[in-house]
Amino acid sequence: MQPATNSFKLKEQSRKILLKRVLSYREIYIMLIPAMLFYLIFCYGPMYGITLAFKDYWSSKGILGSPWVGFDNFRVIFKSQAFWKVFRNTLEINIGRLIFGFPMPIILALMLNELKSEHYKRTIQTIIYLPHFLSWVIIAGIIFALFSNDGLVNNIIVYLGFEKINFLANPKTFRPMVIISDIWKEMGWGTIIYLAAISGISPEMYEAAIVDGAGRWSKMFYITIPSILSTVSVLLIMRMGGLISGGFDQIFNLYNPAVYEVGDIIDTYVFRIGLSEGNFQIGTAIGLFLNVINAMMLFIANYFSKKISGNGLY
């Protein structure tokens, strides 16, 4: 009985210590309540709707009253050529964003870090951050004003004696427009994290490098970049976790039937079949399937990141 009594006493002591620590930081826990309520209501609460993926949904019967059909909805998806087309489009667009868009905030942060004038540096930062705060509706309006048939860019092209280019209705130019506009909108905001990581590097390392005769390029390649690799690896893992989804706002505001062949992605496809056609169960099944793939990509990216650099999310 003695070991059991000691174990009980240790548990009681641990509870008292935990309660004391919670009470000492009660203001912080109170501040967490709105965030916890948000996730409980809008993220965890609607998760019962995942059951739609395994049901033949009838609006008159509701989610709980609709009959179960097992994996029939998934069989419909896997046999659909339209699904695999938008799956390929999503993957190709997101890989393009990853290859060309992911390095841009890193490069921009390294360039800003080399600026000597703090006033000029802050001015540039403010200018490049601004697009992030604009919605894709506004960004799409700007893009249409510049690149439509009667837009500024085409007027300049015609003035120079060339033929107009229908940037947003041409399958060959639509994807580059999507990738470039995404980079322009988000690269400034992405630099915040990397500049924060760079600011955490000890100045003594740079001073020692200067004493050894290192120049700007040497300090960048041998001190700055290695010091932020852990941050880069974590953000890359998070980016890989969303490789098969995302970008609905951008694509929905920019695409049109002329570029469905190359611009239609899974998010817009689910929106059409879910809301426009009323196939809620198919849309839910697609979403569940993609979330499973994204989770697998997250685990795989984290595994290889830990193997290569020693850094990961967990």
C-alpha atoms as a PDB file:
ATOM      1  CA  MET A   1       0.000   0.000   0.000  1.00  0.00           C
ATOM      2  CA  GLN A   2       2.940   2.307   0.578  1.00  0.00           C
ATOM      3  CA  PRO A   3       3.892   2.719  -3.149  1.00  0.00           C
ATOM      4  CA  ALA A   4       0.253   3.459  -4.013  1.00  0.00           C
ATOM      5  CA  THR A   5       0.046   6.067  -1.269  1.00  0.00           C
ATOM      6  CA  ASN A   6       3.260   7.737  -2.451  1.00  0.00           C
ATOM      7  CA  SER A   7       1.977   7.786  -6.037  1.00  0.00           C
ATOM      8  CA  PHE A   8      -1.269   9.410  -4.898  1.00  0.00           C
ATOM      9  CA  LYS A   9       0.652  12.047  -2.942  1.00  0.00           C
ATOM     10  CA  LEU A  10       2.852  12.823  -5.968  1.00  0.00           C
ATOM     11  CA  LYS A  11      -0.206  13.257  -8.176  1.00  0.00           C
ATOM     12  CA  GLU A  12      -1.843  15.557  -5.641  1.00  0.00           C
ATOM     13  CA  GLN A  13       1.357  17.579  -5.358  1.00  0.00           C
ATOM     14  CA  SER A  14       1.598  17.839  -9.169  1.00  0.00           C
ATOM     15  CA  ARG A  15      -2.016  19.055  -9.368  1.00  0.00           C
ATOM     16  CA  LYS A  16      -1.368  21.714  -6.736  1.00  0.00           C
ATOM     17  CA  ILE A  17       1.770  22.920  -8.560  1.00  0.00           C
ATOM     18  CA  LEU A  18      -0.129  23.020 -11.873  1.00  0.00           C
ATOM     19  CA  LEU A  19      -3.043  24.924 -10.325  1.00  0.00           C
ATOM     20  CA  LYS A  20      -0.625  27.385  -8.719  1.00  0.00           C
ATOM     21  CA  ARG A  21       1.123  28.012 -12.061  1.00  0.00           C
ATOM     22  CA  VAL A  22      -2.200  28.474 -13.854  1.00  0.00           C
ATOM     23  CA  LEU A  23      -3.357  30.987 -11.249  1.00  0.00           C
ATOM     24  CA  SER A  24      -0.066  32.882 -11.454  1.00  0.00           C
ATOM     25  CA  TYR A  25      -0.535  33.276 -15.231  1.00  0.00           C
ATOM     26  CA  ARG A  26      -4.319  33.661 -15.136  1.00  0.00           C
ATOM     27  CA  GLU A  27      -4.306  36.854 -17.246  1.00  0.00           C
ATOM     28  CA  ILE A  28      -2.629  34.990 -20.118  1.00  0.00           C
ATOM     29  CA  TYR A  29      -5.091  32.095 -19.892  1.00  0.00           C
ATOM     30  CA  ILE A  30      -8.009  34.535 -19.893  1.00  0.00           C
ATOM     31  CA  MET A  31      -6.603  36.115 -23.069  1.00  0.00           C
ATOM     32  CA  LEU A  32      -6.537  32.632 -24.657  1.00  0.00           C
ATOM     33  CA  ILE A  33     -10.273  32.092 -24.117  1.00  0.00           C
ATOM     34  CA  PRO A  34     -11.463  34.005 -27.266  1.00  0.00           C
ATOM     35  CA  ALA A  35      -8.991  32.111 -29.472  1.00  0.00           C
ATOM     36  CA  MET A  36     -10.026  28.773 -27.949  1.00  0.00           C
ATOM     37  CA  LEU A  37     -13.715  29.593 -28.443  1.00  0.00           C
ATOM     38  CA  PHE A  38     -13.051  30.551 -32.059  1.00  0.00           C
ATOM     39  CA  TYR A  39     -11.413  27.225 -32.856  1.00  0.00           C
ATOM     40  CA  LEU A  40     -13.991  25.230 -30.918  1.00  0.00           C
ATOM     41  CA  ILE A  41     -16.939  26.897 -32.648  1.00  0.00           C
ATOM     42  CA  PHE A  42     -15.626  27.325 -36.189  1.00  0.00           C
ATOM     43  CA  CYS A  43     -13.043  24.509 -36.529  1.00  0.00           C
ATOM     44  CA  TYR A  44     -13.874  21.639 -34.197  1.00  0.00           C
ATOM     45  CA  GLY A  45     -17.634  22.161 -33.975  1.00  0.00           C
ATOM     46  CA  PRO A  46     -18.368  21.671 -37.710  1.00  0.00           C
ATOM     47  CA  MET A  47     -16.177  18.523 -37.881  1.00  0.00           C
ATOM     48  CA  TYR A  48     -19.228  16.298 -37.491  1.00  0.00           C
ATOM     49  CA  GLY A  49     -20.032  17.385 -41.066  1.00  0.00           C
ATOM     50  CA  ILE A  50     -17.196  15.102 -42.258  1.00  0.00           C
ATOM     51  CA  THR A  51     -19.750  12.274 -41.998  1.00  0.00           C
ATOM     52  CA  LEU A  52     -21.289  13.694 -45.195  1.00  0.00           C
ATOM     53  CA  ALA A  53     -18.409  12.072 -47.094  1.00  0.00           C
ATOM     54  CA  PHE A  54     -19.842   8.670 -46.169  1.00  0.00           C
ATOM     55  CA  LYS A  55     -23.531   9.475 -46.698  1.00  0.00           C
ATOM     56  CA  ASP A  56     -26.081  10.032 -49.455  1.00  0.00           C
ATOM     57  CA  TYR A  57     -27.102  13.492 -48.306  1.00  0.00           C
ATOM     58  CA  TRP A  58     -30.762  14.531 -48.396  1.00  0.00           C
ATOM     59  CA  SER A  59     -31.471  18.100 -47.263  1.00  0.00           C
ATOM     60  CA  SER A  60     -34.916  17.024 -45.999  1.00  0.00           C
ATOM     61  CA  LYS A  61     -33.338  14.417 -43.697  1.00  0.00           C
ATOM     62  CA  GLY A  62     -30.318  16.440 -42.602  1.00  0.00           C
ATOM     63  CA  ILE A  63     -26.793  15.205 -42.007  1.00  0.00           C
ATOM     64  CA  LEU A  64     -27.623  12.785 -39.189  1.00  0.00           C
ATOM     65  CA  GLY A  65     -30.731  11.396 -40.896  1.00  0.00           C
ATOM     66  CA  SER A  66     -29.213  10.779 -44.335  1.00  0.00           C
ATOM     67  CA  PRO A  67     -28.375   7.125 -45.157  1.00  0.00           C
ATOM     68  CA  TRP A  68     -24.822   5.783 -44.978  1.00  0.00           C
ATOM     69  CA  VAL A  69     -23.239   4.732 -48.279  1.00  0.00           C
ATOM     70  CA  GLY A  70     -19.735   3.804 -47.116  1.00  0.00           C
ATOM     71  CA  PHE A  71     -17.000   4.717 -49.605  1.00  0.00           C
ATOM     72  CA  ASP A  72     -19.325   5.181 -52.613  1.00  0.00           C
ATOM     73  CA  ASN A  73     -18.650   8.927 -52.770  1.00  0.00           C
ATOM     74  CA  PHE A  74     -14.907   8.300 -52.914  1.00  0.00           C
ATOM     75  CA  ARG A  75     -15.392   5.788 -55.742  1.00  0.00           C
ATOM     76  CA  VAL A  76     -17.282   8.463 -57.687  1.00  0.00           C
ATOM     77  CA  ILE A  77     -14.390  10.898 -57.159  1.00  0.00           C
ATOM     78  CA  PHE A  78     -11.654   8.482 -58.201  1.00  0.00           C
ATOM     79  CA  LYS A  79     -13.538   7.565 -61.390  1.00  0.00           C
ATOM     80  CA  SER A  80     -14.079  11.223 -62.348  1.00  0.00           C
ATOM     81  CA  GLN A  81     -11.761  12.607 -65.029  1.00  0.00           C
ATOM     82  CA  ALA A  82     -12.746  16.148 -64.028  1.00  0.00           C
ATOM     83  CA  PHE A  83     -11.434  15.579 -60.495  1.00  0.00           C
ATOM     84  CA  TRP A  84      -8.050  14.311 -61.675  1.00  0.00           C
ATOM     85  CA  LYS A  85      -7.775  17.258 -64.060  1.00  0.00           C
ATOM     86  CA  VAL A  86      -8.308  19.823 -61.288  1.00  0.00           C
ATOM     87  CA  PHE A  87      -6.064  17.752 -58.989  1.00  0.00           C
ATOM     88  CA  ARG A  88      -3.251  18.034 -61.553  1.00  0.00           C
ATOM     89  CA  ASN A  89      -3.908  21.763 -62.026  1.00  0.00           C
ATOM     90  CA  THR A  90      -3.791  22.352 -58.260  1.00  0.00           C
ATOM     91  CA  LEU A  91      -0.550  20.432 -57.894  1.00  0.00           C
ATOM     92  CA  GLU A  92       1.153  22.189 -60.820  1.00  0.00           C
ATOM     93  CA  ILE A  93       0.100  25.683 -59.713  1.00  0.00           C
ATOM     94  CA  ASN A  94       1.161  25.081 -56.098  1.00  0.00           C
ATOM     95  CA  ILE A  95       4.497  23.586 -57.147  1.00  0.00           C
ATOM     96  CA  GLY A  96       5.074  26.711 -59.266  1.00  0.00           C
ATOM     97  CA  ARG A  97       4.241  28.882 -56.252  1.00  0.00           C
ATOM     98  CA  LEU A  98       6.606  26.820 -54.104  1.00  0.00           C
ATOM     99  CA  ILE A  99       9.541  26.910 -56.542  1.00  0.00           C
ATOM    100  CA  PHE A 100       9.292  30.589 -57.475  1.00  0.00           C
ATOM    101  CA  GLY A 101       7.430  32.062 -54.510  1.00  0.00           C
ATOM    102  CA  PHE A 102       8.990  30.416 -51.465  1.00  0.00           C
ATOM    103  CA  PRO A 103      12.570  31.733 -51.992  1.00  0.00           C
ATOM    104  CA  MET A 104      11.436  35.317 -52.704  1.00  0.00           C
ATOM    105  CA  PRO A 105      10.793  36.409 -49.066  1.00  0.00           C
ATOM    106  CA  ILE A 106      14.172  34.920 -48.096  1.00  0.00           C
ATOM    107  CA  ILE A 107      15.986  36.808 -50.860  1.00  0.00           C
ATOM    108  CA  LEU A 108      14.084  40.000 -50.046  1.00  0.00           C
ATOM    109  CA  ALA A 109      14.867  39.708 -46.325  1.00  0.00           C
ATOM    110  CA  LEU A 110      18.573  39.198 -47.082  1.00  0.00           C
ATOM    111  CA  MET A 111      18.571  42.253 -49.366  1.00  0.00           C
ATOM    112  CA  LEU A 112      16.767  44.432 -46.802  1.00  0.00           C
ATOM    113  CA  ASN A 113      19.188  43.288 -44.114  1.00  0.00           C
ATOM    114  CA  GLU A 114      22.076  44.667 -46.151  1.00  0.00           C
ATOM    115  CA  LEU A 115      20.597  48.184 -46.324  1.00  0.00           C
ATOM    116  CA  LYS A 116      22.453  50.643 -44.106  1.00  0.00           C
ATOM    117  CA  SER A 117      19.838  53.406 -44.005  1.00  0.00           C
ATOM    118  CA  GLU A 118      17.125  52.505 -41.465  1.00  0.00           C
ATOM    119  CA  HIS A 119      14.764  55.154 -42.889  1.00  0.00           C
ATOM    120  CA  TYR A 120      15.077  53.797 -46.427  1.00  0.00           C
ATOM    121  CA  LYS A 121      14.790  50.217 -45.115  1.00  0.00           C
ATOM    122  CA  ARG A 122      11.539  50.929 -43.237  1.00  0.00           C
ATOM    123  CA  THR A 123      10.085  52.772 -46.223  1.00  0.00           C
ATOM    124  CA  ILE A 124      10.752  49.794 -48.500  1.00  0.00           C
ATOM    125  CA  GLN A 125       9.305  47.418 -45.910  1.00  0.00           C
ATOM    126  CA  THR A 126       6.100  49.438 -45.638  1.00  0.00           C
ATOM    127  CA  ILE A 127       5.649  49.541 -49.412  1.00  0.00           C
ATOM    128  CA  ILE A 128       6.171  45.812 -49.949  1.00  0.00           C
ATOM    129  CA  TYR A 129       3.958  44.849 -46.980  1.00  0.00           C
ATOM    130  CA  LEU A 130       0.916  46.799 -48.252  1.00  0.00           C
ATOM    131  CA  PRO A 131      -0.350  44.298 -50.890  1.00  0.00           C
ATOM    132  CA  HIS A 132      -0.819  41.644 -48.196  1.00  0.00           C
ATOM    133  CA  PHE A 133      -3.556  43.746 -46.577  1.00  0.00           C
ATOM    134  CA  LEU A 134      -5.531  44.057 -49.816  1.00  0.00           C
ATOM    135  CA  SER A 135      -8.139  41.402 -50.552  1.00  0.00           C
ATOM    136  CA  TRP A 136      -7.947  39.344 -53.737  1.00  0.00           C
ATOM    137  CA  VAL A 137     -11.044  41.171 -54.964  1.00  0.00           C
ATOM    138  CA  ILE A 138      -9.081  44.437 -54.989  1.00  0.00           C
ATOM    139  CA  ILE A 139      -5.943  42.772 -56.346  1.00  0.00           C
ATOM    140  CA  ALA A 140      -7.993  41.171 -59.142  1.00  0.00           C
ATOM    141  CA  GLY A 141      -9.430  44.586 -60.019  1.00  0.00           C
ATOM    142  CA  ILE A 142      -5.911  46.012 -60.286  1.00  0.00           C
ATOM    143  CA  ILE A 143      -4.768  43.080 -62.430  1.00  0.00           C
ATOM    144  CA  PHE A 144      -7.773  43.400 -64.760  1.00  0.00           C
ATOM    145  CA  ALA A 145      -7.131  47.144 -65.095  1.00  0.00           C
ATOM    146  CA  LEU A 146      -3.528  46.472 -66.075  1.00  0.00           C
ATOM    147  CA  PHE A 147      -3.675  43.240 -68.096  1.00  0.00           C
ATOM    148  CA  SER A 148      -7.127  43.025 -69.678  1.00  0.00           C
ATOM    149  CA  ASN A 149      -7.565  43.501 -73.427  1.00  0.00           C
ATOM    150  CA  ASP A 150      -8.081  47.233 -72.953  1.00  0.00           C
ATOM    151  CA  GLY A 151      -5.741  47.516 -69.994  1.00  0.00           C
ATOM    152  CA  LEU A 152      -2.668  49.669 -69.592  1.00  0.00           C
ATOM    153  CA  VAL A 153      -0.169  46.939 -70.516  1.00  0.00           C
ATOM    154  CA  ASN A 154      -1.953  46.027 -73.757  1.00  0.00           C
ATOM    155  CA  ASN A 155      -2.279  49.690 -74.697  1.00  0.00           C
ATOM    156  CA  ILE A 156       1.498  50.030 -74.336  1.00  0.00           C
ATOM    157  CA  ILE A 157       2.018  46.838 -76.380  1.00  0.00           C
ATOM    158  CA  VAL A 158      -0.219  48.169 -79.186  1.00  0.00           C
ATOM    159  CA  TYR A 159       1.526  51.563 -79.041  1.00  0.00           C
ATOM    160  CA  LEU A 160       4.864  49.779 -79.581  1.00  0.00           C
ATOM    161  CA  GLY A 161       3.459  48.067 -82.668  1.00  0.00           C
ATOM    162  CA  PHE A 162       2.747  44.587 -81.325  1.00  0.00           C
ATOM    163  CA  GLU A 163      -0.460  42.584 -81.046  1.00  0.00           C
ATOM    164  CA  LYS A 164      -2.507  42.466 -77.870  1.00  0.00           C
ATOM    165  CA  ILE A 165      -1.989  39.587 -75.432  1.00  0.00           C
ATOM    166  CA  ASN A 166      -5.045  38.330 -73.577  1.00  0.00           C
ATOM    167  CA  PHE A 167      -3.156  37.533 -70.376  1.00  0.00           C
ATOM    168  CA  LEU A 168      -6.111  36.326 -68.298  1.00  0.00           C
ATOM    169  CA  ALA A 169      -7.948  34.380 -71.012  1.00  0.00           C
ATOM    170  CA  ASN A 170      -4.912  32.685 -72.537  1.00  0.00           C
ATOM    171  CA  PRO A 171      -4.075  29.234 -71.062  1.00  0.00           C
ATOM    172  CA  LYS A 172      -0.358  29.853 -71.722  1.00  0.00           C
ATOM    173  CA  THR A 173      -0.184  33.069 -69.719  1.00  0.00           C
ATOM    174  CA  PHE A 174      -2.792  32.482 -67.010  1.00  0.00           C
ATOM    175  CA  ARG A 175      -0.649  30.324 -64.705  1.00  0.00           C
ATOM    176  CA  PRO A 176       2.359  32.698 -64.820  1.00  0.00           C
ATOM    177  CA  MET A 177      -0.050  35.536 -63.962  1.00  0.00           C
ATOM    178  CA  VAL A 178      -1.351  33.552 -60.980  1.00  0.00           C
ATOM    179  CA  ILE A 179       2.146  32.771 -59.680  1.00  0.00           C
ATOM    180  CA  ILE A 180       3.511  36.297 -60.233  1.00  0.00           C
ATOM    181  CA  SER A 181       0.506  37.997 -58.594  1.00  0.00           C
ATOM    182  CA  ASP A 182       0.738  35.635 -55.600  1.00  0.00           C
ATOM    183  CA  ILE A 183       4.440  36.426 -55.173  1.00  0.00           C
ATOM    184  CA  TRP A 184       3.809  40.165 -55.446  1.00  0.00           C
ATOM    185  CA  LYS A 185       1.043  40.064 -52.844  1.00  0.00           C
ATOM    186  CA  GLU A 186       2.677  37.865 -50.216  1.00  0.00           C
ATOM    187  CA  MET A 187       6.464  38.166 -50.511  1.00  0.00           C
ATOM    188  CA  GLY A 188       6.631  41.376 -48.453  1.00  0.00           C
ATOM    189  CA  TRP A 189       4.644  39.871 -45.614  1.00  0.00           C
ATOM    190  CA  GLY A 190       6.765  36.718 -45.659  1.00  0.00           C
ATOM    191  CA  THR A 191       9.918  38.748 -45.061  1.00  0.00           C
ATOM    192  CA  ILE A 192       8.720  39.684 -41.563  1.00  0.00           C
ATOM    193  CA  ILE A 193       9.497  36.216 -40.187  1.00  0.00           C
ATOM    194  CA  TYR A 194      12.909  36.039 -41.849  1.00  0.00           C
ATOM    195  CA  LEU A 195      13.884  39.555 -40.753  1.00  0.00           C
ATOM    196  CA  ALA A 196      12.876  38.617 -37.209  1.00  0.00           C
ATOM    197  CA  ALA A 197      15.072  35.507 -37.448  1.00  0.00           C
ATOM    198  CA  ILE A 198      17.973  37.583 -38.806  1.00  0.00           C
ATOM    199  CA  SER A 199      17.612  40.146 -36.005  1.00  0.00           C
ATOM    200  CA  GLY A 200      18.122  37.312 -33.511  1.00  0.00           C
ATOM    201  CA  ILE A 201      21.604  36.535 -34.823  1.00  0.00           C
ATOM    202  CA  SER A 202      24.318  37.582 -32.384  1.00  0.00           C
ATOM    203  CA  PRO A 203      26.209  40.722 -33.576  1.00  0.00           C
ATOM    204  CA  GLU A 204      29.369  39.189 -32.133  1.00  0.00           C
ATOM    205  CA  MET A 205      29.378  36.629 -34.942  1.00  0.00           C
ATOM    206  CA  TYR A 206      29.470  39.418 -37.548  1.00  0.00           C
ATOM    207  CA  GLU A 207      32.130  41.303 -35.582  1.00  0.00           C
ATOM    208  CA  ALA A 208      34.317  38.206 -35.439  1.00  0.00           C
ATOM    209  CA  ALA A 209      33.814  37.669 -39.178  1.00  0.00           C
ATOM    210  CA  ILE A 210      34.862  41.288 -39.895  1.00  0.00           C
ATOM    211  CA  VAL A 211      38.008  40.791 -37.834  1.00  0.00           C
ATOM    212  CA  ASP A 212      38.765  37.709 -39.963  1.00  0.00           C
ATOM    213  CA  GLY A 213      38.380  39.821 -43.095  1.00  0.00           C
ATOM    214  CA  ALA A 214      34.946  38.597 -44.238  1.00  0.00           C
ATOM    215  CA  GLY A 215      33.011  40.774 -46.671  1.00  0.00           C
ATOM    216  CA  ARG A 216      29.248  41.165 -47.135  1.00  0.00           C
ATOM    217  CA  TRP A 217      28.829  38.058 -49.269  1.00  0.00           C
ATOM    218  CA  SER A 218      30.897  35.923 -46.923  1.00  0.00           C
ATOM    219  CA  LYS A 219      28.902  37.082 -43.878  1.00  0.00           C
ATOM    220  CA  MET A 220      25.642  36.376 -45.721  1.00  0.00           C
ATOM    221  CA  PHE A 221      26.588  32.865 -46.890  1.00  0.00           C
ATOM    222  CA  TYR A 222      28.462  31.726 -43.775  1.00  0.00           C
ATOM    223  CA  ILE A 223      26.540  33.460 -40.956  1.00  0.00           C
ATOM    224  CA  THR A 224      23.128  34.833 -41.978  1.00  0.00           C
ATOM    225  CA  ILE A 225      21.819  31.993 -44.158  1.00  0.00           C
ATOM    226  CA  PRO A 226      22.973  29.120 -41.866  1.00  0.00           C
ATOM    227  CA  SER A 227      21.486  30.955 -38.866  1.00  0.00           C
ATOM    228  CA  ILE A 228      17.991  31.146 -40.403  1.00  0.00           C
ATOM    229  CA  LEU A 229      17.917  27.622 -41.852  1.00  0.00           C
ATOM    230  CA  SER A 230      15.796  26.342 -38.960  1.00  0.00           C
ATOM    231  CA  THR A 231      13.173  29.013 -39.694  1.00  0.00           C
ATOM    232  CA  VAL A 232      13.300  28.210 -43.414  1.00  0.00           C
ATOM    233  CA  SER A 233      12.827  24.487 -42.765  1.00  0.00           C
ATOM    234  CA  VAL A 234       9.808  25.026 -40.488  1.00  0.00           C
ATOM    235  CA  LEU A 235       8.096  27.342 -42.986  1.00  0.00           C
ATOM    236  CA  LEU A 236       8.880  24.937 -45.825  1.00  0.00           C
ATOM    237  CA  ILE A 237       7.246  22.099 -43.889  1.00  0.00           C
ATOM    238  CA  MET A 238       4.142  24.220 -43.315  1.00  0.00           C
ATOM    239  CA  ARG A 239       4.078  25.146 -46.985  1.00  0.00           C
ATOM    240  CA  MET A 240       4.315  21.492 -47.985  1.00  0.00           C
ATOM    241  CA  GLY A 241       1.336  20.759 -45.752  1.00  0.00           C
ATOM    242  CA  GLY A 242      -0.861  22.865 -48.033  1.00  0.00           C
ATOM    243  CA  LEU A 243       0.568  21.739 -51.357  1.00  0.00           C
ATOM    244  CA  ILE A 244      -2.686  20.185 -52.581  1.00  0.00           C
ATOM    245  CA  SER A 245      -5.057  22.943 -51.513  1.00  0.00           C
ATOM    246  CA  GLY A 246      -5.388  26.679 -51.090  1.00  0.00           C
ATOM    247  CA  GLY A 247      -5.609  29.676 -53.381  1.00  0.00           C
ATOM    248  CA  PHE A 248      -9.400  29.745 -53.754  1.00  0.00           C
ATOM    249  CA  ASP A 249      -9.744  33.530 -53.364  1.00  0.00           C
ATOM    250  CA  GLN A 250      -7.093  34.240 -55.972  1.00  0.00           C
ATOM    251  CA  ILE A 251      -8.227  31.740 -58.598  1.00  0.00           C
ATOM    252  CA  PHE A 252     -11.934  32.451 -58.123  1.00  0.00           C
ATOM    253  CA  ASN A 253     -11.404  36.175 -58.733  1.00  0.00           C
ATOM    254  CA  LEU A 254      -9.036  35.740 -61.689  1.00  0.00           C
ATOM    255  CA  TYR A 255     -10.165  32.728 -63.692  1.00  0.00           C
ATOM    256  CA  ASN A 256     -12.866  32.394 -66.340  1.00  0.00           C
ATOM    257  CA  PRO A 257     -14.260  29.558 -68.519  1.00  0.00           C
ATOM    258  CA  ALA A 258     -11.558  30.179 -71.148  1.00  0.00           C
ATOM    259  CA  VAL A 259      -8.835  28.997 -68.733  1.00  0.00           C
ATOM    260  CA  TYR A 260     -10.701  26.267 -66.820  1.00  0.00           C
ATOM    261  CA  GLU A 261      -8.458  23.704 -68.507  1.00  0.00           C
ATOM    262  CA  VAL A 262      -5.326  25.048 -66.741  1.00  0.00           C
ATOM    263  CA  GLY A 263      -6.721  27.291 -63.998  1.00  0.00           C
ATOM    264  CA  ASP A 264      -9.499  25.305 -62.365  1.00  0.00           C
ATOM    265  CA  ILE A 265      -8.249  23.985 -59.001  1.00  0.00           C
ATOM    266  CA  ILE A 266      -9.768  21.669 -56.409  1.00  0.00           C
ATOM    267  CA  ASP A 267     -11.079  24.514 -54.226  1.00  0.00           C
ATOM    268  CA  THR A 268     -13.023  26.127 -57.066  1.00  0.00           C
ATOM    269  CA  TYR A 269     -14.180  22.713 -58.319  1.00  0.00           C
ATOM    270  CA  VAL A 270     -15.560  21.814 -54.873  1.00  0.00           C
ATOM    271  CA  PHE A 271     -17.235  25.229 -54.677  1.00  0.00           C
ATOM    272  CA  ARG A 272     -19.011  24.613 -57.974  1.00  0.00           C
ATOM    273  CA  ILE A 273     -20.178  21.063 -57.352  1.00  0.00           C
ATOM    274  CA  GLY A 274     -20.941  21.701 -53.685  1.00  0.00           C
ATOM    275  CA  LEU A 275     -22.889  24.942 -53.817  1.00  0.00           C
ATOM    276  CA  SER A 276     -23.885  25.322 -57.452  1.00  0.00           C
ATOM    277  CA  GLU A 277     -24.819  21.675 -58.102  1.00  0.00           C
ATOM    278  CA  GLY A 278     -25.771  20.690 -54.547  1.00  0.00           C
ATOM    279  CA  ASN A 279     -23.427  17.649 -54.319  1.00  0.00           C
ATOM    280  CA  PHE A 280     -22.420  18.377 -50.743  1.00  0.00           C
ATOM    281  CA  GLN A 281     -21.384  14.794 -50.053  1.00  0.00           C
ATOM    282  CA  ILE A 282     -18.981  14.749 -53.028  1.00  0.00           C
ATOM    283  CA  GLY A 283     -17.474  18.083 -52.001  1.00  0.00           C
ATOM    284  CA  THR A 284     -16.987  16.830 -48.435  1.00  0.00           C
ATOM    285  CA  ALA A 285     -15.373  13.609 -49.663  1.00  0.00           C
ATOM    286  CA  ILE A 286     -12.933  15.582 -51.817  1.00  0.00           C
ATOM    287  CA  GLY A 287     -12.064  17.841 -48.887  1.00  0.00           C
ATOM    288  CA  LEU A 288     -11.451  14.870 -46.587  1.00  0.00           C
ATOM    289  CA  PHE A 289      -9.310  13.127 -49.202  1.00  0.00           C
ATOM    290  CA  LEU A 290      -7.184  16.255 -49.704  1.00  0.00           C
ATOM    291  CA  ASN A 291      -6.731  16.819 -45.971  1.00  0.00           C
ATOM    292  CA  VAL A 292      -5.415  13.271 -45.611  1.00  0.00           C
ATOM    293  CA  ILE A 293      -2.915  13.895 -48.445  1.00  0.00           C
ATOM    294  CA  ASN A 294      -1.854  17.246 -46.959  1.00  0.00           C
ATOM    295  CA  ALA A 295      -1.311  15.616 -43.554  1.00  0.00           C
ATOM    296  CA  MET A 296       0.827  12.915 -45.177  1.00  0.00           C
ATOM    297  CA  MET A 297       2.847  15.579 -47.021  1.00  0.00           C
ATOM    298  CA  LEU A 298       3.353  17.409 -43.719  1.00  0.00           C
ATOM    299  CA  PHE A 299       4.684  14.306 -41.974  1.00  0.00           C
ATOM    300  CA  ILE A 300       6.935  13.383 -44.911  1.00  0.00           C
ATOM    301  CA  ALA A 301       8.359  16.923 -45.181  1.00  0.00           C
ATOM    302  CA  ASN A 302       8.954  17.031 -41.424  1.00  0.00           C
ATOM    303  CA  TYR A 303      10.710  13.634 -41.509  1.00  0.00           C
ATOM    304  CA  PHE A 304      13.100  14.609 -44.306  1.00  0.00           C
ATOM    305  CA  SER A 305      13.711  18.041 -42.777  1.00  0.00           C
ATOM    306  CA  LYS A 306      14.814  16.426 -39.506  1.00  0.00           C
ATOM    307  CA  LYS A 307      16.991  13.954 -41.399  1.00  0.00           C
ATOM    308  CA  ILE A 308      18.685  16.627 -43.527  1.00  0.00           C
ATOM    309  CA  SER A 309      18.907  19.690 -41.265  1.00  0.00           C
ATOM    310  CA  GLY A 310      17.987  18.347 -37.837  1.00  0.00           C
ATOM    311  CA  ASN A 311      15.088  20.800 -37.564  1.00  0.00           C
ATOM    312  CA  GLY A 312      11.366  20.065 -37.728  1.00  0.00           C
ATOM    313  CA  LEU A 313       7.968  20.987 -36.346  1.00  0.00           C
ATOM    314  CA  TYR A 314       8.078  18.161 -33.800  1.00  0.00           C
END
